[in-house]
Amino acid sequence: MTEPSGDDGRTFRRETERVVNEIAQGLRTLGDGVAWFSDLAPARQQEVLQEVASYAMQAHITAADGRAGVARSGVKPTANPSVMICMDPPRYGFAGLPSAEHVKAFRVLVSVFAVADTRRRETYCKGTCGHAWHNLPAETEQP
């Protein structure tokens, strides 16, 4: 698979980052994120899975994060993405799964990332965090 080129690729990665972090911080529901993901072309879905797997690695997920995320995801613990994320060490080849499993993989990855990222925001980054993605503003309703 080739890397997206130009502004389109950067814009899409920023959109992915925003959607995933909004889910992780409770500013968007997992269901809304799944709807966004499901509307993407298969090649874009693979890009998102690779990107979110990278976020999970950067969040230093633990086995406990994997189990808690799978429970939160609504995906059966015996499904391929659930088994992969709970392995020690986790397996991250989600984009290589059959396309029929991409939505499950997205649900698992985002849910596990949300657990790990919340843990890091509440411990490692608490009070000293300069990560823009940890400080998303809650959207306010417009009258």
Protein backbone atom coordinates (compact mmCIF):
# COMPACT_ATOMS: atom_id res chain seq x y z
CA MET A 1 0.00 0.00 0.00
CA THR A 2 1.28 3.44 -0.79
CA GLU A 3 1.31 6.40 1.57
CA PRO A 4 -1.19 9.13 0.72
CA SER A 5 0.51 12.05 -0.92
CA GLY A 6 0.22 15.77 -0.52
CA ASP A 7 -2.24 17.73 1.54
CA ASP A 8 -5.01 15.15 1.07
CA GLY A 9 -3.04 12.56 3.05
CA ARG A 10 -2.13 15.01 5.82
CA THR A 11 -5.69 16.29 6.03
CA PHE A 12 -7.04 12.75 6.27
CA ARG A 13 -4.53 11.83 9.01
CA ARG A 14 -5.54 14.95 10.98
CA GLU A 15 -9.21 14.00 10.59
CA THR A 16 -8.43 10.48 11.81
CA GLU A 17 -6.50 11.87 14.77
CA ARG A 18 -9.39 14.19 15.67
CA VAL A 19 -12.07 11.49 15.40
CA VAL A 20 -10.09 8.92 17.42
CA ASN A 21 -9.15 11.39 20.15
CA GLU A 22 -12.72 12.70 20.38
CA ILE A 23 -13.89 9.12 20.96
CA ALA A 24 -11.14 8.54 23.53
CA GLN A 25 -12.15 11.68 25.43
CA GLY A 26 -15.90 11.03 25.29
CA LEU A 27 -16.59 13.94 22.93
CA ARG A 28 -17.87 11.54 20.24
CA THR A 29 -19.49 8.14 20.71
CA LEU A 30 -17.90 4.94 19.50
CA GLY A 31 -21.01 4.45 17.35
CA ASP A 32 -20.46 7.81 15.65
CA GLY A 33 -16.83 6.89 15.05
CA VAL A 34 -17.84 3.53 13.58
CA ALA A 35 -20.30 5.30 11.26
CA TRP A 36 -17.50 7.63 10.09
CA PHE A 37 -15.14 4.65 9.60
CA SER A 38 -17.77 2.56 7.78
CA ASP A 39 -18.29 5.33 5.21
CA LEU A 40 -14.63 5.21 4.19
CA ALA A 41 -13.33 3.36 1.14
CA PRO A 42 -11.57 0.07 1.99
CA ALA A 43 -8.10 1.54 1.32
CA ARG A 44 -8.85 4.45 3.67
CA GLN A 45 -10.09 2.01 6.31
CA GLN A 46 -6.74 0.22 6.13
CA GLU A 47 -4.93 3.55 6.55
CA VAL A 48 -7.05 4.36 9.61
CA LEU A 49 -6.37 0.95 11.16
CA GLN A 50 -2.63 1.46 10.71
CA GLU A 51 -2.84 4.96 12.18
CA VAL A 52 -4.89 3.91 15.21
CA ALA A 53 -2.59 0.93 15.83
CA SER A 54 0.26 3.46 15.90
CA TYR A 55 -1.63 5.55 18.48
CA ALA A 56 -2.16 2.44 20.62
CA MET A 57 1.55 1.62 20.48
CA GLN A 58 2.45 5.20 21.43
CA ALA A 59 0.02 5.02 24.37
CA HIS A 60 1.97 1.97 25.61
CA ILE A 61 -1.05 -0.28 25.99
CA THR A 62 -0.89 -2.95 28.64
CA ALA A 63 -2.55 -6.37 28.75
CA ALA A 64 -5.08 -4.88 31.19
CA ASP A 65 -5.79 -2.04 28.73
CA GLY A 66 -6.37 -4.64 26.01
CA ARG A 67 -8.87 -6.61 28.08
CA ALA A 68 -10.70 -3.47 29.26
CA GLY A 69 -10.80 -2.06 25.73
CA VAL A 70 -12.14 -5.28 24.25
CA ALA A 71 -14.88 -5.35 26.90
CA ARG A 72 -15.72 -1.72 26.06
CA SER A 73 -15.68 -2.31 22.29
CA GLY A 74 -18.66 -4.65 22.08
CA VAL A 75 -16.57 -7.11 20.05
CA LYS A 76 -16.41 -10.72 21.22
CA PRO A 77 -13.18 -11.57 23.05
CA THR A 78 -12.67 -14.49 20.65
CA ALA A 79 -12.78 -12.31 17.49
CA ASN A 80 -9.45 -11.96 15.68
CA PRO A 81 -8.91 -8.26 16.54
CA SER A 82 -9.66 -8.93 20.22
CA VAL A 83 -7.25 -11.83 20.38
CA MET A 84 -4.55 -9.86 18.55
CA ILE A 85 -4.67 -6.86 20.90
CA CYS A 86 -4.65 -9.03 24.03
CA MET A 87 -1.55 -11.02 23.02
CA ASP A 88 1.68 -10.38 24.87
CA PRO A 89 3.05 -8.44 23.10
CA PRO A 90 0.02 -7.21 21.14
CA ARG A 91 -0.12 -7.88 17.40
CA TYR A 92 -0.81 -4.81 15.27
CA GLY A 93 -1.49 -6.20 11.77
CA PHE A 94 -5.12 -5.08 11.79
CA ALA A 95 -5.01 -3.56 8.30
CA GLY A 96 -4.09 -7.03 6.99
CA LEU A 97 -7.27 -8.61 8.33
CA PRO A 98 -10.03 -9.44 5.83
CA SER A 99 -12.14 -6.36 5.08
CA ALA A 100 -15.12 -8.01 6.78
CA GLU A 101 -13.23 -7.62 10.08
CA HIS A 102 -12.18 -4.00 9.67
CA VAL A 103 -15.09 -2.52 11.64
CA LYS A 104 -14.42 -4.94 14.51
CA ALA A 105 -10.74 -4.03 14.39
CA PHE A 106 -11.58 -0.32 14.48
CA ARG A 107 -13.89 -0.80 17.46
CA VAL A 108 -11.23 -2.77 19.35
CA LEU A 109 -8.33 -0.46 18.51
CA VAL A 110 -10.17 2.75 19.37
CA SER A 111 -11.54 1.27 22.59
CA VAL A 112 -8.15 -0.01 23.73
CA PHE A 113 -6.53 3.29 22.78
CA ALA A 114 -9.19 5.15 24.79
CA VAL A 115 -8.43 3.08 27.89
CA ALA A 116 -4.65 3.49 27.58
CA ASP A 117 -4.79 7.15 26.64
CA THR A 118 -7.12 7.95 29.55
CA ARG A 119 -4.72 6.20 31.91
CA ARG A 120 -1.82 8.24 30.55
CA ARG A 121 -3.76 11.53 30.69
CA GLU A 122 -4.65 10.84 34.33
CA THR A 123 -1.14 9.81 35.39
CA TYR A 124 1.83 10.61 33.17
CA CYS A 125 0.40 13.80 31.61
CA LYS A 126 -1.70 15.02 34.54
CA GLY A 127 -1.18 18.73 35.07
CA THR A 128 1.88 18.93 32.82
CA CYS A 129 0.56 17.84 29.48
CA GLY A 130 1.31 19.90 26.42
CA HIS A 131 -0.11 17.39 23.96
CA ALA A 132 -2.75 19.22 21.92
CA TRP A 133 -4.67 15.97 21.38
CA HIS A 134 -5.06 15.55 25.16
CA ASN A 135 -6.69 18.94 25.49
CA LEU A 136 -9.51 18.93 22.95
CA PRO A 137 -12.20 21.47 23.70
CA ALA A 138 -15.67 20.16 24.33
CA GLU A 139 -17.92 21.39 21.57
CA THR A 140 -20.59 23.73 22.78
CA GLU A 141 -24.04 23.75 21.30
CA GLN A 142 -24.90 26.77 19.21
CA PRO A 143 -28.37 28.28 19.77
